[in-house]
Amino acid sequence: MVTRAAYKLYGDSPAVTELKQFPDRGHSLTVDHGW
C-alpha cells in the first residue's frame, strides 16, 4: 500500500517510474528467497 502511494506521487513528475510487484517477497532483498 505504501509503495503504491509513493508511485502515485510520481504521476505528475517527469521521472521515469514503474511499479513491479513480486509476490511473496519481503523488503530485505538479500535475505529473502527470490532476491
PDB file of all heavy atoms in Angstrom:
ATOM      1  N   MET A   1       0.820  -1.182   0.000  1.00  0.00           N
ATOM      2  CA  MET A   1       0.000   0.000   0.000  1.00  0.00           C
ATOM      3  C   MET A   1       0.874   1.260   0.000  1.00  0.00           C
ATOM      4  O   MET A   1       0.602   2.196  -0.739  1.00  0.00           O
ATOM      5  CB  MET A   1      -0.933  -0.032   1.214  1.00  0.00           C
ATOM      6  CG  MET A   1      -1.814   1.183   1.297  1.00  0.00           C
ATOM      7  SD  MET A   1      -2.818   1.224   2.784  1.00  0.00           S
ATOM      8  CE  MET A   1      -4.173   0.226   2.257  1.00  0.00           C
ATOM      9  N   VAL A   2       1.918   1.264   0.802  1.00  0.00           N
ATOM     10  CA  VAL A   2       2.807   2.418   0.889  1.00  0.00           C
ATOM     11  C   VAL A   2       3.538   2.615  -0.449  1.00  0.00           C
ATOM     12  O   VAL A   2       3.673   3.740  -0.934  1.00  0.00           O
ATOM     13  CB  VAL A   2       3.812   2.256   2.051  1.00  0.00           C
ATOM     14  CG1 VAL A   2       4.849   3.357   2.036  1.00  0.00           C
ATOM     15  CG2 VAL A   2       3.081   2.232   3.375  1.00  0.00           C
ATOM     16  N   THR A   3       3.966   1.523  -1.035  1.00  0.00           N
ATOM     17  CA  THR A   3       4.687   1.609  -2.314  1.00  0.00           C
ATOM     18  C   THR A   3       3.789   2.158  -3.410  1.00  0.00           C
ATOM     19  O   THR A   3       4.212   2.996  -4.207  1.00  0.00           O
ATOM     20  CB  THR A   3       5.225   0.228  -2.719  1.00  0.00           C
ATOM     21  OG1 THR A   3       6.068  -0.253  -1.682  1.00  0.00           O
ATOM     22  CG2 THR A   3       6.009   0.306  -4.005  1.00  0.00           C
ATOM     23  N   ARG A   4       2.563   1.697  -3.459  1.00  0.00           N
ATOM     24  CA  ARG A   4       1.623   2.212  -4.473  1.00  0.00           C
ATOM     25  C   ARG A   4       1.372   3.705  -4.280  1.00  0.00           C
ATOM     26  O   ARG A   4       1.288   4.461  -5.237  1.00  0.00           O
ATOM     27  CB  ARG A   4       0.312   1.449  -4.414  1.00  0.00           C
ATOM     28  CG  ARG A   4       0.414   0.079  -4.988  1.00  0.00           C
ATOM     29  CD  ARG A   4      -0.952  -0.567  -5.063  1.00  0.00           C
ATOM     30  NE  ARG A   4      -0.775  -1.980  -5.281  1.00  0.00           N
ATOM     31  CZ  ARG A   4      -1.486  -2.907  -4.718  1.00  0.00           C
ATOM     32  NH1 ARG A   4      -2.458  -2.585  -3.888  1.00  0.00           N
ATOM     33  NH2 ARG A   4      -1.263  -4.170  -4.963  1.00  0.00           N
ATOM     34  N   ALA A   5       1.240   4.131  -3.037  1.00  0.00           N
ATOM     35  CA  ALA A   5       1.013   5.547  -2.753  1.00  0.00           C
ATOM     36  C   ALA A   5       2.210   6.384  -3.211  1.00  0.00           C
ATOM     37  O   ALA A   5       2.037   7.446  -3.814  1.00  0.00           O
ATOM     38  CB  ALA A   5       0.753   5.758  -1.268  1.00  0.00           C
ATOM     39  N   ALA A   6       3.407   5.910  -2.930  1.00  0.00           N
ATOM     40  CA  ALA A   6       4.609   6.630  -3.368  1.00  0.00           C
ATOM     41  C   ALA A   6       4.678   6.676  -4.889  1.00  0.00           C
ATOM     42  O   ALA A   6       5.015   7.706  -5.482  1.00  0.00           O
ATOM     43  CB  ALA A   6       5.863   5.964  -2.806  1.00  0.00           C
ATOM     44  N   TYR A   7       4.351   5.570  -5.537  1.00  0.00           N
ATOM     45  CA  TYR A   7       4.345   5.517  -7.006  1.00  0.00           C
ATOM     46  C   TYR A   7       3.378   6.553  -7.580  1.00  0.00           C
ATOM     47  O   TYR A   7       3.704   7.263  -8.519  1.00  0.00           O
ATOM     48  CB  TYR A   7       3.974   4.104  -7.459  1.00  0.00           C
ATOM     49  CG  TYR A   7       3.854   3.950  -8.949  1.00  0.00           C
ATOM     50  CD1 TYR A   7       4.991   3.968  -9.762  1.00  0.00           C
ATOM     51  CD2 TYR A   7       2.624   3.767  -9.562  1.00  0.00           C
ATOM     52  CE1 TYR A   7       4.891   3.818 -11.131  1.00  0.00           C
ATOM     53  CE2 TYR A   7       2.517   3.611 -10.924  1.00  0.00           C
ATOM     54  CZ  TYR A   7       3.646   3.636 -11.703  1.00  0.00           C
ATOM     55  OH  TYR A   7       3.548   3.482 -13.065  1.00  0.00           O
ATOM     56  N   LYS A   8       2.196   6.656  -7.000  1.00  0.00           N
ATOM     57  CA  LYS A   8       1.204   7.621  -7.479  1.00  0.00           C
ATOM     58  C   LYS A   8       1.682   9.060  -7.330  1.00  0.00           C
ATOM     59  O   LYS A   8       1.325   9.923  -8.129  1.00  0.00           O
ATOM     60  CB  LYS A   8      -0.122   7.422  -6.747  1.00  0.00           C
ATOM     61  CG  LYS A   8      -0.843   6.171  -7.177  1.00  0.00           C
ATOM     62  CD  LYS A   8      -2.136   5.996  -6.406  1.00  0.00           C
ATOM     63  CE  LYS A   8      -2.830   4.714  -6.809  1.00  0.00           C
ATOM     64  NZ  LYS A   8      -4.090   4.538  -6.091  1.00  0.00           N
ATOM     65  N   LEU A   9       2.494   9.328  -6.322  1.00  0.00           N
ATOM     66  CA  LEU A   9       3.015  10.678  -6.130  1.00  0.00           C
ATOM     67  C   LEU A   9       3.893  11.123  -7.294  1.00  0.00           C
ATOM     68  O   LEU A   9       4.053  12.314  -7.536  1.00  0.00           O
ATOM     69  CB  LEU A   9       3.807  10.768  -4.821  1.00  0.00           C
ATOM     70  CG  LEU A   9       2.975  10.672  -3.545  1.00  0.00           C
ATOM     71  CD1 LEU A   9       3.893  10.620  -2.323  1.00  0.00           C
ATOM     72  CD2 LEU A   9       2.016  11.851  -3.444  1.00  0.00           C
ATOM     73  N   TYR A  10       4.469  10.176  -8.008  1.00  0.00           N
ATOM     74  CA  TYR A  10       5.311  10.494  -9.155  1.00  0.00           C
ATOM     75  C   TYR A  10       4.501  10.703 -10.436  1.00  0.00           C
ATOM     76  O   TYR A  10       5.064  10.972 -11.482  1.00  0.00           O
ATOM     77  CB  TYR A  10       6.346   9.393  -9.388  1.00  0.00           C
ATOM     78  CG  TYR A  10       7.511   9.461  -8.440  1.00  0.00           C
ATOM     79  CD1 TYR A  10       7.534   8.719  -7.271  1.00  0.00           C
ATOM     80  CD2 TYR A  10       8.594  10.287  -8.721  1.00  0.00           C
ATOM     81  CE1 TYR A  10       8.611   8.787  -6.400  1.00  0.00           C
ATOM     82  CE2 TYR A  10       9.671  10.369  -7.854  1.00  0.00           C
ATOM     83  CZ  TYR A  10       9.665   9.614  -6.699  1.00  0.00           C
ATOM     84  OH  TYR A  10      10.731   9.695  -5.842  1.00  0.00           O
ATOM     85  N   GLY A  11       3.197  10.572 -10.363  1.00  0.00           N
ATOM     86  CA  GLY A  11       2.334  10.679 -11.535  1.00  0.00           C
ATOM     87  C   GLY A  11       2.524  11.947 -12.346  1.00  0.00           C
ATOM     88  O   GLY A  11       2.485  11.919 -13.578  1.00  0.00           O
ATOM     89  N   ASP A  12       2.724  13.074 -11.703  1.00  0.00           N
ATOM     90  CA  ASP A  12       2.896  14.352 -12.408  1.00  0.00           C
ATOM     91  C   ASP A  12       4.364  14.727 -12.583  1.00  0.00           C
ATOM     92  O   ASP A  12       4.669  15.802 -13.072  1.00  0.00           O
ATOM     93  CB  ASP A  12       2.177  15.471 -11.645  1.00  0.00           C
ATOM     94  CG  ASP A  12       0.670  15.273 -11.641  1.00  0.00           C
ATOM     95  OD1 ASP A  12       0.142  14.707 -12.618  1.00  0.00           O
ATOM     96  OD2 ASP A  12       0.025  15.675 -10.654  1.00  0.00           O
ATOM     97  N   SER A  13       5.239  13.838 -12.204  1.00  0.00           N
ATOM     98  CA  SER A  13       6.677  14.090 -12.269  1.00  0.00           C
ATOM     99  C   SER A  13       7.241  13.636 -13.612  1.00  0.00           C
ATOM    100  O   SER A  13       6.739  12.690 -14.212  1.00  0.00           O
ATOM    101  CB  SER A  13       7.377  13.316 -11.144  1.00  0.00           C
ATOM    102  OG  SER A  13       8.769  13.309 -11.349  1.00  0.00           O
ATOM    103  N   PRO A  14       8.296  14.288 -14.081  1.00  0.00           N
ATOM    104  CA  PRO A  14       8.944  13.825 -15.311  1.00  0.00           C
ATOM    105  C   PRO A  14       9.833  12.591 -15.073  1.00  0.00           C
ATOM    106  O   PRO A  14      10.401  12.044 -16.007  1.00  0.00           O
ATOM    107  CB  PRO A  14       9.795  15.024 -15.734  1.00  0.00           C
ATOM    108  CG  PRO A  14      10.096  15.735 -14.467  1.00  0.00           C
ATOM    109  CD  PRO A  14       8.876  15.541 -13.595  1.00  0.00           C
ATOM    110  N   ALA A  15       9.910  12.126 -13.828  1.00  0.00           N
ATOM    111  CA  ALA A  15      10.740  10.961 -13.507  1.00  0.00           C
ATOM    112  C   ALA A  15      10.187   9.706 -14.187  1.00  0.00           C
ATOM    113  O   ALA A  15       8.978   9.534 -14.317  1.00  0.00           O
ATOM    114  CB  ALA A  15      10.778  10.738 -11.998  1.00  0.00           C
ATOM    115  N   VAL A  16      11.073   8.851 -14.624  1.00  0.00           N
ATOM    116  CA  VAL A  16      10.677   7.583 -15.215  1.00  0.00           C
ATOM    117  C   VAL A  16      10.478   6.596 -14.068  1.00  0.00           C
ATOM    118  O   VAL A  16      11.398   6.339 -13.297  1.00  0.00           O
ATOM    119  CB  VAL A  16      11.758   7.060 -16.195  1.00  0.00           C
ATOM    120  CG1 VAL A  16      11.363   5.715 -16.762  1.00  0.00           C
ATOM    121  CG2 VAL A  16      11.997   8.073 -17.300  1.00  0.00           C
ATOM    122  N   THR A  17       9.269   6.095 -13.955  1.00  0.00           N
ATOM    123  CA  THR A  17       8.960   5.172 -12.867  1.00  0.00           C
ATOM    124  C   THR A  17       8.210   3.963 -13.395  1.00  0.00           C
ATOM    125  O   THR A  17       7.627   3.994 -14.483  1.00  0.00           O
ATOM    126  CB  THR A  17       8.104   5.849 -11.783  1.00  0.00           C
ATOM    127  OG1 THR A  17       6.886   6.283 -12.381  1.00  0.00           O
ATOM    128  CG2 THR A  17       8.824   7.010 -11.151  1.00  0.00           C
ATOM    129  N   GLU A  18       8.241   2.915 -12.629  1.00  0.00           N
ATOM    130  CA  GLU A  18       7.489   1.705 -12.957  1.00  0.00           C
ATOM    131  C   GLU A  18       7.218   0.983 -11.645  1.00  0.00           C
ATOM    132  O   GLU A  18       8.080   0.935 -10.762  1.00  0.00           O
ATOM    133  CB  GLU A  18       8.311   0.819 -13.887  1.00  0.00           C
ATOM    134  CG  GLU A  18       7.620  -0.461 -14.283  1.00  0.00           C
ATOM    135  CD  GLU A  18       8.473  -1.282 -15.233  1.00  0.00           C
ATOM    136  OE1 GLU A  18       8.966  -0.734 -16.228  1.00  0.00           O
ATOM    137  OE2 GLU A  18       8.650  -2.472 -14.947  1.00  0.00           O
ATOM    138  N   LEU A  19       6.037   0.434 -11.535  1.00  0.00           N
ATOM    139  CA  LEU A  19       5.695  -0.348 -10.354  1.00  0.00           C
ATOM    140  C   LEU A  19       5.684  -1.814 -10.747  1.00  0.00           C
ATOM    141  O   LEU A  19       4.955  -2.223 -11.646  1.00  0.00           O
ATOM    142  CB  LEU A  19       4.316   0.050  -9.823  1.00  0.00           C
ATOM    143  CG  LEU A  19       3.812  -0.738  -8.614  1.00  0.00           C
ATOM    144  CD1 LEU A  19       4.738  -0.531  -7.419  1.00  0.00           C
ATOM    145  CD2 LEU A  19       2.397  -0.327  -8.277  1.00  0.00           C
ATOM    146  N   LYS A  20       6.520  -2.582 -10.121  1.00  0.00           N
ATOM    147  CA  LYS A  20       6.607  -4.027 -10.361  1.00  0.00           C
ATOM    148  C   LYS A  20       6.442  -4.718  -9.023  1.00  0.00           C
ATOM    149  O   LYS A  20       7.164  -4.418  -8.066  1.00  0.00           O
ATOM    150  CB  LYS A  20       7.965  -4.378 -10.981  1.00  0.00           C
ATOM    151  CG  LYS A  20       8.245  -5.857 -11.079  1.00  0.00           C
ATOM    152  CD  LYS A  20       7.395  -6.518 -12.111  1.00  0.00           C
ATOM    153  CE  LYS A  20       7.842  -7.972 -12.282  1.00  0.00           C
ATOM    154  NZ  LYS A  20       6.845  -8.755 -12.943  1.00  0.00           N
ATOM    155  N   GLN A  21       5.472  -5.602  -8.941  1.00  0.00           N
ATOM    156  CA  GLN A  21       5.245  -6.337  -7.708  1.00  0.00           C
ATOM    157  C   GLN A  21       5.831  -7.741  -7.829  1.00  0.00           C
ATOM    158  O   GLN A  21       5.738  -8.367  -8.882  1.00  0.00           O
ATOM    159  CB  GLN A  21       3.762  -6.413  -7.402  1.00  0.00           C
ATOM    160  CG  GLN A  21       3.168  -5.052  -7.108  1.00  0.00           C
ATOM    161  CD  GLN A  21       1.692  -5.132  -6.815  1.00  0.00           C
ATOM    162  OE1 GLN A  21       0.937  -5.778  -7.520  1.00  0.00           O
ATOM    163  NE2 GLN A  21       1.294  -4.460  -5.743  1.00  0.00           N
ATOM    164  N   PHE A  22       6.429  -8.190  -6.753  1.00  0.00           N
ATOM    165  CA  PHE A  22       6.990  -9.527  -6.673  1.00  0.00           C
ATOM    166  C   PHE A  22       6.268 -10.263  -5.549  1.00  0.00           C
ATOM    167  O   PHE A  22       6.564 -10.035  -4.374  1.00  0.00           O
ATOM    168  CB  PHE A  22       8.495  -9.470  -6.390  1.00  0.00           C
ATOM    169  CG  PHE A  22       9.290  -8.877  -7.510  1.00  0.00           C
ATOM    170  CD1 PHE A  22       9.496  -7.513  -7.572  1.00  0.00           C
ATOM    171  CD2 PHE A  22       9.822  -9.675  -8.504  1.00  0.00           C
ATOM    172  CE1 PHE A  22      10.214  -6.945  -8.607  1.00  0.00           C
ATOM    173  CE2 PHE A  22      10.541  -9.125  -9.544  1.00  0.00           C
ATOM    174  CZ  PHE A  22      10.743  -7.762  -9.599  1.00  0.00           C
ATOM    175  N   PRO A  23       5.326 -11.132  -5.890  1.00  0.00           N
ATOM    176  CA  PRO A  23       4.583 -11.850  -4.856  1.00  0.00           C
ATOM    177  C   PRO A  23       5.518 -12.643  -3.931  1.00  0.00           C
ATOM    178  O   PRO A  23       6.531 -13.187  -4.378  1.00  0.00           O
ATOM    179  CB  PRO A  23       3.695 -12.801  -5.645  1.00  0.00           C
ATOM    180  CG  PRO A  23       3.614 -12.208  -7.018  1.00  0.00           C
ATOM    181  CD  PRO A  23       4.923 -11.498  -7.232  1.00  0.00           C
ATOM    182  N   ASP A  24       5.180 -12.674  -2.678  1.00  0.00           N
ATOM    183  CA  ASP A  24       5.932 -13.433  -1.669  1.00  0.00           C
ATOM    184  C   ASP A  24       7.351 -12.952  -1.467  1.00  0.00           C
ATOM    185  O   ASP A  24       8.243 -13.730  -1.120  1.00  0.00           O
ATOM    186  CB  ASP A  24       5.937 -14.926  -2.011  1.00  0.00           C
ATOM    187  CG  ASP A  24       4.535 -15.489  -2.113  1.00  0.00           C
ATOM    188  OD1 ASP A  24       3.680 -15.074  -1.305  1.00  0.00           O
ATOM    189  OD2 ASP A  24       4.296 -16.330  -2.996  1.00  0.00           O
ATOM    190  N   ARG A  25       7.622 -11.674  -1.714  1.00  0.00           N
ATOM    191  CA  ARG A  25       8.948 -11.121  -1.481  1.00  0.00           C
ATOM    192  C   ARG A  25       8.847 -10.064  -0.398  1.00  0.00           C
ATOM    193  O   ARG A  25       7.914  -9.272  -0.381  1.00  0.00           O
ATOM    194  CB  ARG A  25       9.536 -10.462  -2.735  1.00  0.00           C
ATOM    195  CG  ARG A  25       9.665 -11.329  -3.954  1.00  0.00           C
ATOM    196  CD  ARG A  25      10.612 -12.486  -3.727  1.00  0.00           C
ATOM    197  NE  ARG A  25      11.005 -13.147  -4.942  1.00  0.00           N
ATOM    198  CZ  ARG A  25      10.293 -14.056  -5.586  1.00  0.00           C
ATOM    199  NH1 ARG A  25       9.121 -14.400  -5.153  1.00  0.00           N
ATOM    200  NH2 ARG A  25      10.756 -14.633  -6.674  1.00  0.00           N
ATOM    201  N   GLY A  26       9.821 -10.036   0.497  1.00  0.00           N
ATOM    202  CA  GLY A  26       9.859  -9.022   1.534  1.00  0.00           C
ATOM    203  C   GLY A  26      10.691  -7.832   1.091  1.00  0.00           C
ATOM    204  O   GLY A  26      11.063  -7.704  -0.070  1.00  0.00           O
ATOM    205  N   HIS A  27      11.009  -6.971   2.031  1.00  0.00           N
ATOM    206  CA  HIS A  27      11.781  -5.765   1.722  1.00  0.00           C
ATOM    207  C   HIS A  27      13.278  -5.937   1.956  1.00  0.00           C
ATOM    208  O   HIS A  27      14.067  -5.118   1.524  1.00  0.00           O
ATOM    209  CB  HIS A  27      11.267  -4.594   2.560  1.00  0.00           C
ATOM    210  CG  HIS A  27       9.862  -4.233   2.246  1.00  0.00           C
ATOM    211  ND1 HIS A  27       9.495  -3.660   1.059  1.00  0.00           N
ATOM    212  CD2 HIS A  27       8.717  -4.401   2.956  1.00  0.00           C
ATOM    213  CE1 HIS A  27       8.180  -3.468   1.052  1.00  0.00           C
ATOM    214  NE2 HIS A  27       7.689  -3.914   2.181  1.00  0.00           N
ATOM    215  N   SER A  28      13.682  -6.977   2.656  1.00  0.00           N
ATOM    216  CA  SER A  28      15.104  -7.221   2.925  1.00  0.00           C
ATOM    217  C   SER A  28      15.640  -8.145   1.843  1.00  0.00           C
ATOM    218  O   SER A  28      15.921  -9.316   2.079  1.00  0.00           O
ATOM    219  CB  SER A  28      15.283  -7.840   4.310  1.00  0.00           C
ATOM    220  OG  SER A  28      14.722  -7.005   5.290  1.00  0.00           O
ATOM    221  N   LEU A  29      15.776  -7.619   0.653  1.00  0.00           N
ATOM    222  CA  LEU A  29      16.011  -8.432  -0.535  1.00  0.00           C
ATOM    223  C   LEU A  29      17.099  -9.483  -0.414  1.00  0.00           C
ATOM    224  O   LEU A  29      16.904 -10.612  -0.822  1.00  0.00           O
ATOM    225  CB  LEU A  29      16.319  -7.522  -1.728  1.00  0.00           C
ATOM    226  CG  LEU A  29      15.193  -6.576  -2.123  1.00  0.00           C
ATOM    227  CD1 LEU A  29      15.626  -5.717  -3.297  1.00  0.00           C
ATOM    228  CD2 LEU A  29      13.946  -7.350  -2.464  1.00  0.00           C
ATOM    229  N   THR A  30      18.248  -9.145   0.112  1.00  0.00           N
ATOM    230  CA  THR A  30      19.345 -10.105   0.102  1.00  0.00           C
ATOM    231  C   THR A  30      19.177 -11.228   1.111  1.00  0.00           C
ATOM    232  O   THR A  30      19.925 -12.201   1.064  1.00  0.00           O
ATOM    233  CB  THR A  30      20.714  -9.423   0.324  1.00  0.00           C
ATOM    234  OG1 THR A  30      20.700  -8.744   1.575  1.00  0.00           O
ATOM    235  CG2 THR A  30      21.023  -8.457  -0.791  1.00  0.00           C
ATOM    236  N   VAL A  31      18.209 -11.126   1.996  1.00  0.00           N
ATOM    237  CA  VAL A  31      17.975 -12.217   2.934  1.00  0.00           C
ATOM    238  C   VAL A  31      16.677 -12.962   2.640  1.00  0.00           C
ATOM    239  O   VAL A  31      16.374 -13.950   3.288  1.00  0.00           O
ATOM    240  CB  VAL A  31      17.976 -11.727   4.407  1.00  0.00           C
ATOM    241  CG1 VAL A  31      19.326 -11.173   4.788  1.00  0.00           C
ATOM    242  CG2 VAL A  31      16.880 -10.722   4.652  1.00  0.00           C
ATOM    243  N   ASP A  32      15.923 -12.517   1.669  1.00  0.00           N
ATOM    244  CA  ASP A  32      14.674 -13.164   1.298  1.00  0.00           C
ATOM    245  C   ASP A  32      14.881 -14.094   0.114  1.00  0.00           C
ATOM    246  O   ASP A  32      15.739 -13.837  -0.744  1.00  0.00           O
ATOM    247  CB  ASP A  32      13.613 -12.129   0.919  1.00  0.00           C
ATOM    248  CG  ASP A  32      13.097 -11.350   2.104  1.00  0.00           C
ATOM    249  OD1 ASP A  32      13.161 -11.884   3.222  1.00  0.00           O
ATOM    250  OD2 ASP A  32      12.641 -10.212   1.905  1.00  0.00           O
ATOM    251  N   HIS A  33      14.072 -15.145   0.059  1.00  0.00           N
ATOM    252  CA  HIS A  33      14.138 -16.024  -1.098  1.00  0.00           C
ATOM    253  C   HIS A  33      13.735 -15.230  -2.344  1.00  0.00           C
ATOM    254  O   HIS A  33      12.919 -14.316  -2.261  1.00  0.00           O
ATOM    255  CB  HIS A  33      13.228 -17.239  -0.909  1.00  0.00           C
ATOM    256  CG  HIS A  33      11.775 -16.940  -1.079  1.00  0.00           C
ATOM    257  ND1 HIS A  33      11.039 -16.304  -0.095  1.00  0.00           N
ATOM    258  CD2 HIS A  33      10.944 -17.160  -2.106  1.00  0.00           C
ATOM    259  CE1 HIS A  33       9.800 -16.153  -0.526  1.00  0.00           C
ATOM    260  NE2 HIS A  33       9.707 -16.658  -1.734  1.00  0.00           N
ATOM    261  N   GLY A  34      14.330 -15.551  -3.449  1.00  0.00           N
ATOM    262  CA  GLY A  34      13.999 -14.878  -4.701  1.00  0.00           C
ATOM    263  C   GLY A  34      14.641 -13.520  -4.895  1.00  0.00           C
ATOM    264  O   GLY A  34      14.302 -12.815  -5.847  1.00  0.00           O
ATOM    265  N   TRP A  35      15.572 -13.140  -4.048  1.00  0.00           N
ATOM    266  CA  TRP A  35      16.161 -11.796  -4.163  1.00  0.00           C
ATOM    267  C   TRP A  35      16.902 -11.621  -5.481  1.00  0.00           C
ATOM    268  O   TRP A  35      16.938 -10.523  -6.036  1.00  0.00           O
ATOM    269  CB  TRP A  35      17.076 -11.473  -2.988  1.00  0.00           C
ATOM    270  CG  TRP A  35      18.359 -12.249  -2.945  1.00  0.00           C
ATOM    271  CD1 TRP A  35      18.568 -13.432  -2.297  1.00  0.00           C
ATOM    272  CD2 TRP A  35      19.595 -11.915  -3.582  1.00  0.00           C
ATOM    273  NE1 TRP A  35      19.860 -13.850  -2.488  1.00  0.00           N
ATOM    274  CE2 TRP A  35      20.519 -12.937  -3.283  1.00  0.00           C
ATOM    275  CE3 TRP A  35      20.023 -10.856  -4.376  1.00  0.00           C
ATOM    276  CZ2 TRP A  35      21.821 -12.938  -3.747  1.00  0.00           C
ATOM    277  CZ3 TRP A  35      21.333 -10.852  -4.844  1.00  0.00           C
ATOM    278  CH2 TRP A  35      22.205 -11.882  -4.527  1.00  0.00           C
TER     279      TRP A  35
END
